[in-house]
Amino acid sequence: MEVNFQAAREIFYTFKPVIYVYPESTQEVSMKLSVAGELGFTYPEYNNGWDFIADHDGTIHIGEKEYDYLFWDSKSPVDYSSFDVQSGFIVRRDSLTDFLETNLTTMGLTPRERQDFITFWCPLMIENESNYIHFMFNEEYNTIATLDVTPKPANIFRVFMVWSDAKDIDAKKVLPQKIE
């Protein structure tokens, strides 16, 4: 008999979560972020929310400064049973860029968003021969952080990537994840 004990809740570090905003026309926006844990570094500074003017092209204006996106990070206790870790992908180092290009395009990310994503994550992930990747979308993402946006947007698409070295993962047991 073999018995394994595994913590259901572990500290989950978010790295480079960013928020892009694309209103139909230039407008004032107020955004509140609620993380399941401790909010870390933010840029621009988060003062109980972000209040800004957003242009149709995604430019964010706060005071005299312009930003391409809002940045935050956090440490959160996450219950891994709250999302499906049995689904995802095992991606070899040499196909990582193509995998991300294809799937981020399928998700509807813009070329700029894909470039930001890939140039941050690939240098970290190529250290591994292969990686386990699972994407958390919208409601599943709310287990880590929720957003309250005023005025209410017509559409919100949120994606968060969970990944790890796949050296100890049996690829045959990982079910392909549906990409939204």
Protein backbone atom coordinates (compact mmCIF):
# COMPACT_ATOMS: atom_id res chain seq x y z
CA MET A 1 0.00 0.00 0.00
CA GLU A 2 1.25 3.47 -0.88
CA VAL A 3 -0.12 6.59 0.79
CA ASN A 4 0.61 10.07 -0.55
CA PHE A 5 -0.21 13.28 1.25
CA GLN A 6 -0.45 16.42 -0.80
CA ALA A 7 -1.46 19.87 0.34
CA ALA A 8 -4.68 20.96 -1.30
CA ARG A 9 -3.76 24.59 -0.71
CA GLU A 10 -0.38 26.01 -1.62
CA ILE A 11 0.98 29.49 -2.06
CA PHE A 12 0.51 30.49 -5.67
CA TYR A 13 2.71 33.25 -7.08
CA THR A 14 1.36 35.21 -10.00
CA PHE A 15 3.96 36.51 -12.43
CA LYS A 16 3.25 39.23 -14.96
CA PRO A 17 -0.51 39.32 -14.93
CA VAL A 18 -1.46 42.33 -17.04
CA ILE A 19 -4.75 43.95 -17.96
CA TYR A 20 -5.33 45.38 -21.42
CA VAL A 21 -8.31 47.69 -21.95
CA TYR A 22 -9.94 48.38 -25.34
CA PRO A 23 -13.08 50.52 -25.10
CA GLU A 24 -15.17 51.22 -28.20
CA SER A 25 -14.24 54.90 -27.85
CA THR A 26 -12.14 56.96 -25.44
CA GLN A 27 -13.73 56.82 -22.00
CA GLU A 28 -13.16 57.00 -18.27
CA VAL A 29 -12.75 53.63 -16.57
CA SER A 30 -12.62 52.58 -12.94
CA MET A 31 -11.22 49.15 -12.09
CA LYS A 32 -11.03 47.29 -8.79
CA LEU A 33 -8.95 44.15 -8.39
CA SER A 34 -9.59 41.65 -5.62
CA VAL A 35 -6.96 38.96 -5.15
CA ALA A 36 -7.35 35.80 -3.10
CA GLY A 37 -4.26 36.61 -1.08
CA GLU A 38 -1.78 39.45 -0.88
CA LEU A 39 -1.45 41.99 -3.67
CA GLY A 40 2.20 42.64 -4.49
CA PHE A 41 3.78 45.10 -6.90
CA THR A 42 1.50 47.11 -9.16
CA TYR A 43 2.28 49.46 -12.03
CA PRO A 44 0.93 52.02 -12.26
CA GLU A 45 0.38 52.15 -8.52
CA TYR A 46 -2.90 50.62 -7.36
CA ASN A 47 -4.62 52.95 -4.90
CA ASN A 48 -7.71 50.94 -3.92
CA GLY A 49 -8.32 50.70 -7.64
CA TRP A 50 -7.24 52.24 -10.92
CA ASP A 51 -9.11 55.23 -12.34
CA PHE A 52 -8.03 56.16 -15.85
CA ILE A 53 -8.95 57.19 -19.34
CA ALA A 54 -8.63 54.47 -21.98
CA ASP A 55 -8.39 55.00 -25.74
CA HIS A 56 -9.79 52.64 -28.35
CA ASP A 57 -6.22 51.53 -29.26
CA GLY A 58 -5.62 50.35 -25.67
CA THR A 59 -3.59 53.32 -24.44
CA ILE A 60 -4.27 53.99 -20.75
CA HIS A 61 -3.91 57.53 -19.41
CA ILE A 62 -3.34 58.19 -15.71
CA GLY A 63 -2.45 61.79 -14.99
CA GLU A 64 0.19 62.85 -17.49
CA LYS A 65 1.46 59.29 -18.10
CA GLU A 66 0.51 56.66 -20.67
CA TYR A 67 0.57 52.88 -20.22
CA ASP A 68 0.03 49.90 -22.53
CA TYR A 69 -1.49 47.84 -19.71
CA LEU A 70 -2.05 47.62 -15.96
CA PHE A 71 0.33 45.31 -14.08
CA TRP A 72 -0.12 43.51 -10.79
CA ASP A 73 1.22 40.45 -9.02
CA SER A 74 0.31 38.56 -5.88
CA LYS A 75 0.86 35.68 -3.51
CA SER A 76 -2.30 33.67 -3.02
CA PRO A 77 -3.22 30.47 -1.22
CA VAL A 78 -4.84 28.44 -3.98
CA ASP A 79 -6.85 25.27 -3.66
CA TYR A 80 -5.64 23.19 -6.61
CA SER A 81 -8.82 21.15 -6.47
CA SER A 82 -10.65 24.27 -7.67
CA PHE A 83 -9.35 23.82 -11.21
CA ASP A 84 -8.74 20.93 -13.57
CA VAL A 85 -5.03 20.07 -13.37
CA GLN A 86 -5.72 16.83 -15.27
CA SER A 87 -6.14 18.78 -18.51
CA GLY A 88 -3.54 20.83 -20.29
CA PHE A 89 -0.60 20.21 -22.57
CA ILE A 90 2.89 18.79 -22.45
CA VAL A 91 5.00 21.03 -24.68
CA ARG A 92 8.59 20.35 -25.64
CA ARG A 93 11.11 23.18 -25.48
CA ASP A 94 11.62 23.27 -29.27
CA SER A 95 7.90 23.74 -29.99
CA LEU A 96 7.07 26.16 -27.19
CA THR A 97 7.01 29.36 -29.27
CA ASP A 98 4.86 27.81 -32.01
CA PHE A 99 2.51 26.31 -29.41
CA LEU A 100 2.02 29.66 -27.69
CA GLU A 101 1.66 31.57 -31.00
CA THR A 102 -1.02 29.15 -32.17
CA ASN A 103 -2.99 28.99 -28.93
CA LEU A 104 -2.76 32.67 -28.05
CA THR A 105 -3.97 33.48 -31.57
CA THR A 106 -6.87 31.04 -31.10
CA MET A 107 -7.71 32.87 -27.86
CA GLY A 108 -7.89 36.15 -29.80
CA LEU A 109 -4.85 37.89 -28.35
CA THR A 110 -3.48 40.70 -30.49
CA PRO A 111 0.04 40.54 -31.97
CA ARG A 112 1.29 42.95 -29.26
CA GLU A 113 -0.32 40.86 -26.50
CA ARG A 114 1.16 37.64 -27.90
CA GLN A 115 4.61 39.24 -28.14
CA ASP A 116 4.42 40.49 -24.53
CA PHE A 117 3.32 37.04 -23.36
CA ILE A 118 5.90 35.01 -25.32
CA THR A 119 8.89 37.25 -24.65
CA PHE A 120 8.24 37.10 -20.91
CA TRP A 121 7.41 33.39 -20.54
CA CYS A 122 9.52 31.54 -23.11
CA PRO A 123 12.91 32.54 -21.64
CA LEU A 124 11.77 31.03 -18.31
CA MET A 125 10.16 27.94 -19.79
CA ILE A 126 12.94 26.92 -22.20
CA GLU A 127 15.04 25.94 -19.20
CA ASN A 128 12.93 22.75 -19.14
CA GLU A 129 13.05 20.00 -21.76
CA SER A 130 9.25 20.01 -21.67
CA ASN A 131 6.57 21.92 -19.79
CA TYR A 132 3.12 21.16 -18.47
CA ILE A 133 0.78 24.03 -19.42
CA HIS A 134 -2.78 24.64 -18.27
CA PHE A 135 -4.72 27.79 -19.13
CA MET A 136 -7.25 29.20 -16.66
CA PHE A 137 -10.03 31.19 -18.32
CA ASN A 138 -12.53 33.72 -17.02
CA GLU A 139 -14.49 32.06 -14.17
CA GLU A 140 -11.68 29.66 -13.31
CA TYR A 141 -9.35 32.69 -13.15
CA ASN A 142 -11.64 34.21 -10.50
CA THR A 143 -10.22 31.70 -7.98
CA ILE A 144 -7.06 33.83 -8.13
CA ALA A 145 -8.39 37.33 -8.76
CA THR A 146 -11.62 39.07 -9.68
CA LEU A 147 -12.13 42.35 -11.53
CA ASP A 148 -14.84 44.92 -11.07
CA VAL A 149 -14.92 47.31 -14.03
CA THR A 150 -17.03 50.45 -14.41
CA PRO A 151 -18.56 51.02 -16.86
CA LYS A 152 -19.31 47.33 -17.34
CA PRO A 153 -17.53 46.18 -20.51
CA ALA A 154 -19.37 44.41 -23.32
CA ASN A 155 -16.74 41.66 -23.23
CA ILE A 156 -14.07 40.47 -20.81
CA PHE A 157 -11.63 37.73 -21.72
CA ARG A 158 -9.18 36.65 -19.04
CA VAL A 159 -6.49 34.02 -19.38
CA PHE A 160 -3.90 32.87 -16.86
CA MET A 161 -1.25 30.24 -17.55
CA VAL A 162 -0.24 27.65 -14.97
CA TRP A 163 2.95 25.83 -15.93
CA SER A 164 5.67 23.63 -14.51
CA ASP A 165 8.51 21.40 -15.59
CA ALA A 166 6.92 18.25 -17.04
CA LYS A 167 9.80 15.87 -16.31
CA ASP A 168 7.81 13.98 -13.65
CA ILE A 169 4.43 14.10 -15.41
CA ASP A 170 3.08 11.16 -17.37
CA ALA A 171 2.02 12.81 -20.65
CA LYS A 172 -0.46 9.99 -21.30
CA LYS A 173 -2.47 11.07 -18.25
CA VAL A 174 -2.83 14.70 -19.35
CA LEU A 175 -6.08 15.28 -21.23
CA PRO A 176 -5.98 17.93 -23.99
CA GLN A 177 -7.47 21.18 -22.74
CA LYS A 178 -10.15 23.02 -24.69
CA ILE A 179 -8.93 26.48 -25.69
CA GLU A 180 -11.49 29.28 -25.42
